[in-house]
Protein backbone atom coordinates (compact mmCIF):
# COMPACT_ATOMS: atom_id res chain seq x y z
CA ARG A 1 -0.75 35.79 -11.37
CA ILE A 2 -0.87 33.66 -8.24
CA THR A 3 2.00 31.31 -7.68
CA GLU A 4 1.08 28.26 -5.63
CA LYS A 5 3.82 26.40 -3.78
CA ARG A 6 3.79 22.79 -4.85
CA LYS A 7 4.83 19.98 -2.54
CA ILE A 8 7.60 18.02 -4.22
CA GLU A 9 8.23 14.48 -3.05
CA VAL A 10 10.57 11.72 -4.10
CA ALA A 11 8.58 8.49 -4.19
CA PHE A 12 9.86 4.95 -4.50
CA TYR A 13 6.91 2.96 -5.87
CA GLY A 14 6.19 -0.01 -8.06
CA GLY A 15 7.74 -2.63 -5.85
CA SER A 16 8.72 -3.54 -2.35
CA PHE A 17 11.42 -1.03 -1.52
CA THR A 18 12.41 -2.51 1.82
CA ALA A 19 12.75 -5.98 0.28
CA LEU A 20 15.74 -4.66 -1.65
CA ASP A 21 19.23 -5.37 -0.36
CA PHE A 22 19.99 -2.98 2.53
CA MET A 23 22.93 -1.35 0.71
CA ILE A 24 20.82 -0.75 -2.41
CA GLN A 25 18.18 0.93 -0.26
CA CYS A 26 20.83 3.21 1.20
CA GLU A 27 22.30 4.02 -2.23
CA LEU A 28 18.86 4.97 -3.55
CA LEU A 29 17.88 7.00 -0.50
CA ALA A 30 21.13 8.96 -0.19
CA PRO A 31 20.53 11.43 -3.06
CA ALA A 32 16.90 11.86 -1.98
CA LYS A 33 18.06 12.72 1.55
CA GLN A 34 20.56 15.20 0.13
CA ALA A 35 17.81 16.85 -1.93
CA LEU A 36 15.59 16.96 1.17
CA GLU A 37 18.34 18.57 3.26
CA CYS A 38 19.01 21.15 0.52
CA GLY A 39 15.34 22.06 0.34
CA LYS A 40 14.94 20.84 -3.25
CA ILE A 41 12.19 18.43 -2.18
CA ASP A 42 9.68 18.45 0.66
CA ALA A 43 9.39 14.75 1.50
CA ILE A 44 10.42 11.17 0.73
CA ARG A 45 7.89 8.34 0.58
CA LEU A 46 7.90 4.72 -0.47
CA SER A 47 5.77 1.62 -0.78
CA THR A 48 6.62 -1.84 0.45
CA ARG A 49 5.29 -5.14 1.71
CA PRO A 50 3.96 -5.52 5.26
CA ASP A 51 6.31 -8.44 5.89
CA CYS A 52 9.32 -6.30 4.96
CA ILE A 53 8.95 -3.85 7.86
CA ASN A 54 10.59 -4.02 11.27
CA ASP A 55 12.14 -1.57 13.76
CA THR A 56 15.59 -1.71 12.16
CA ILE A 57 14.24 -1.07 8.67
CA VAL A 58 12.02 1.81 9.83
CA GLN A 59 14.89 3.41 11.75
CA ASN A 60 17.05 3.30 8.61
CA LEU A 61 14.26 4.93 6.61
CA ILE A 62 13.92 7.66 9.24
CA ASN A 63 17.68 8.22 9.12
CA PHE A 64 17.33 8.93 5.40
CA GLY A 65 14.40 11.31 5.87
CA VAL A 66 11.52 9.08 4.80
CA SER A 67 8.25 10.42 6.21
CA THR A 68 5.60 8.19 4.59
CA ILE A 69 5.41 4.43 4.12
CA GLU A 70 2.62 2.81 2.12
CA LEU A 71 1.93 -0.85 2.71
CA GLY A 72 0.72 -3.13 -0.08
CA VAL A 73 -1.83 -4.77 2.22
CA GLN A 74 -4.32 -5.73 -0.56
CA SER A 75 -6.59 -7.67 1.84
CA LEU A 76 -6.82 -8.58 5.51
CA ASP A 77 -8.38 -11.97 4.74
CA ASN A 78 -5.68 -14.63 5.15
CA LYS A 79 -7.44 -16.97 2.70
CA VAL A 80 -7.40 -14.25 0.03
CA LEU A 81 -3.76 -13.40 0.76
CA GLN A 82 -2.76 -17.06 0.52
CA SER A 83 -4.74 -17.67 -2.69
CA SER A 84 -3.11 -14.59 -4.18
CA ALA A 85 0.40 -15.64 -3.09
CA ARG A 86 0.95 -12.24 -1.49
CA GLY A 87 3.62 -13.60 0.87
CA HIS A 88 2.24 -11.96 3.99
CA ASN A 89 -0.70 -12.45 6.32
CA SER A 90 -2.96 -10.15 8.32
CA GLN A 91 -0.73 -10.38 11.40
CA ASP A 92 2.19 -9.04 9.35
CA VAL A 93 0.00 -6.05 8.46
CA LEU A 94 -0.92 -5.36 12.10
CA GLN A 95 2.73 -5.50 13.15
CA ALA A 96 3.93 -3.31 10.27
CA VAL A 97 1.32 -0.62 10.89
CA ALA A 98 2.12 -0.58 14.61
CA THR A 99 5.86 -0.32 13.90
CA ILE A 100 5.41 2.55 11.45
CA LYS A 101 2.97 4.49 13.62
CA LYS A 102 4.97 4.17 16.85
CA ARG A 103 7.90 5.83 15.04
CA GLY A 104 5.69 8.76 14.00
CA LEU A 105 5.71 8.17 10.25
CA GLN A 106 2.69 8.55 8.04
CA CYS A 107 1.21 5.16 7.19
CA GLY A 108 -0.81 4.47 4.06
CA ILE A 109 -2.56 1.25 3.11
CA GLN A 110 -3.14 -0.02 -0.40
CA ILE A 111 -6.19 -2.25 -0.90
CA MET A 112 -6.83 -4.44 -3.96
CA PRO A 113 -10.45 -5.58 -4.19
CA GLY A 114 -11.19 -8.52 -6.48
CA LEU A 115 -8.34 -10.86 -5.59
CA PRO A 116 -8.86 -14.64 -5.78
CA ASP A 117 -11.23 -16.07 -3.15
CA GLU A 118 -12.47 -12.63 -2.11
CA ASP A 119 -16.20 -12.03 -1.88
CA PHE A 120 -18.09 -8.96 -0.76
CA ILE A 121 -18.23 -10.18 2.85
CA SER A 122 -14.44 -10.55 2.83
CA LEU A 123 -14.10 -7.06 1.36
CA ILE A 124 -16.31 -5.61 4.10
CA SER A 125 -14.20 -7.39 6.72
CA THR A 126 -11.03 -5.96 5.18
CA ALA A 127 -12.53 -2.47 5.15
CA ARG A 128 -13.45 -2.77 8.83
CA GLY A 129 -9.95 -4.01 9.64
CA VAL A 130 -8.38 -1.10 7.79
CA ILE A 131 -10.63 1.34 9.66
CA ASN A 132 -9.47 -0.20 12.95
CA LEU A 133 -5.84 0.32 11.88
CA ALA A 134 -6.59 4.05 11.35
CA PRO A 135 -4.11 4.68 8.52
CA ASP A 136 -3.38 8.24 7.42
CA PHE A 137 -4.72 7.44 3.96
CA VAL A 138 -5.70 4.60 1.65
CA ARG A 139 -5.26 3.83 -2.03
CA VAL A 140 -7.75 1.51 -3.73
CA TYR A 141 -6.61 -0.48 -6.76
CA PRO A 142 -9.15 -3.02 -8.05
CA THR A 143 -7.39 -6.17 -9.26
CA ILE A 144 -6.49 -6.34 -12.93
CA VAL A 145 -5.15 -9.37 -14.76
CA ILE A 146 -1.75 -8.79 -16.33
CA ALA A 147 -0.52 -11.12 -19.06
CA LYS A 148 2.11 -13.72 -18.24
CA THR A 149 1.44 -13.71 -14.50
CA LYS A 150 0.21 -16.45 -12.17
CA LEU A 151 -3.12 -14.60 -11.96
CA ALA A 152 -3.38 -14.65 -15.76
CA GLU A 153 -2.80 -18.43 -15.72
CA MET A 154 -5.54 -18.80 -13.11
CA TYR A 155 -7.84 -16.62 -15.22
CA TYR A 156 -7.26 -18.59 -18.43
CA ASP A 157 -7.63 -21.91 -16.58
CA GLY A 158 -10.98 -20.75 -15.18
CA ASP A 159 -9.67 -20.78 -11.59
CA TYR A 160 -10.15 -17.03 -11.21
CA VAL A 161 -12.97 -14.78 -12.33
CA ALA A 162 -11.98 -11.13 -12.60
CA LEU A 163 -14.24 -8.34 -11.45
CA SER A 164 -16.30 -6.78 -14.20
CA LEU A 165 -15.78 -3.07 -14.76
CA ALA A 166 -19.09 -2.38 -13.00
CA GLU A 167 -18.06 -4.55 -10.02
CA GLY A 168 -14.66 -2.88 -9.79
CA VAL A 169 -16.29 0.55 -9.78
CA ALA A 170 -18.87 -0.54 -7.19
CA TYR A 171 -16.26 -2.06 -4.89
CA ALA A 172 -14.02 1.00 -5.15
CA ALA A 173 -17.00 3.32 -4.53
CA PHE A 174 -18.00 1.30 -1.47
CA LEU A 175 -14.46 1.53 -0.06
CA LYS A 176 -14.22 5.25 -0.77
CA LEU A 177 -17.56 5.84 0.94
CA ILE A 178 -16.84 3.77 4.06
CA PHE A 179 -13.32 5.15 4.50
CA GLY A 180 -14.66 8.68 4.02
CA GLN A 181 -17.26 8.08 6.72
CA HIS A 182 -14.36 7.27 9.06
CA GLU A 183 -12.31 10.29 7.94
CA ILE A 184 -9.66 8.17 6.21
CA PRO A 185 -8.77 9.89 2.93
CA VAL A 186 -8.69 7.76 -0.23
CA ILE A 187 -5.90 9.53 -2.12
CA ARG A 188 -6.21 7.46 -5.28
CA THR A 189 -8.52 4.96 -6.88
CA GLY A 190 -7.13 3.14 -9.89
């Protein structure tokens, strides 16, 4: 019987961690740091918004042992970001990636093809921009419409047309292929 050592990480996902109140961030990170220092886990990672990253925030994360930050970039097209009410723009992304990388942390980028006002040309432009940022990895999550959201209202009003399943698969396959050609791992496609 071969026993393989698994890498165990504490991950804070499903929101914008660094948008939380500073003290709440510290309270959540403290037990993870303790587990890291005791050797119970191998790493701490989190996801957040590009406009919720700066030197002070990153230094605090480093102090608590965070080694990987994933940014919910979604698109690098400012029109798409504005239409989707993402709350950040492409310049925020550039600054956040630079801040994370200069501190030596792993930087991941999450892309969401199929947002309002995105077309294939916009998606190609986003892919090229992500390649230029040279993240350590990418996640690709085609847009889905969730009930009782602004996007759902836009969908039901006819102001937004969701990607078909075939389009979502094609867009994700394109991104996986182009990122792979530039040696940027796609660690998940959803």
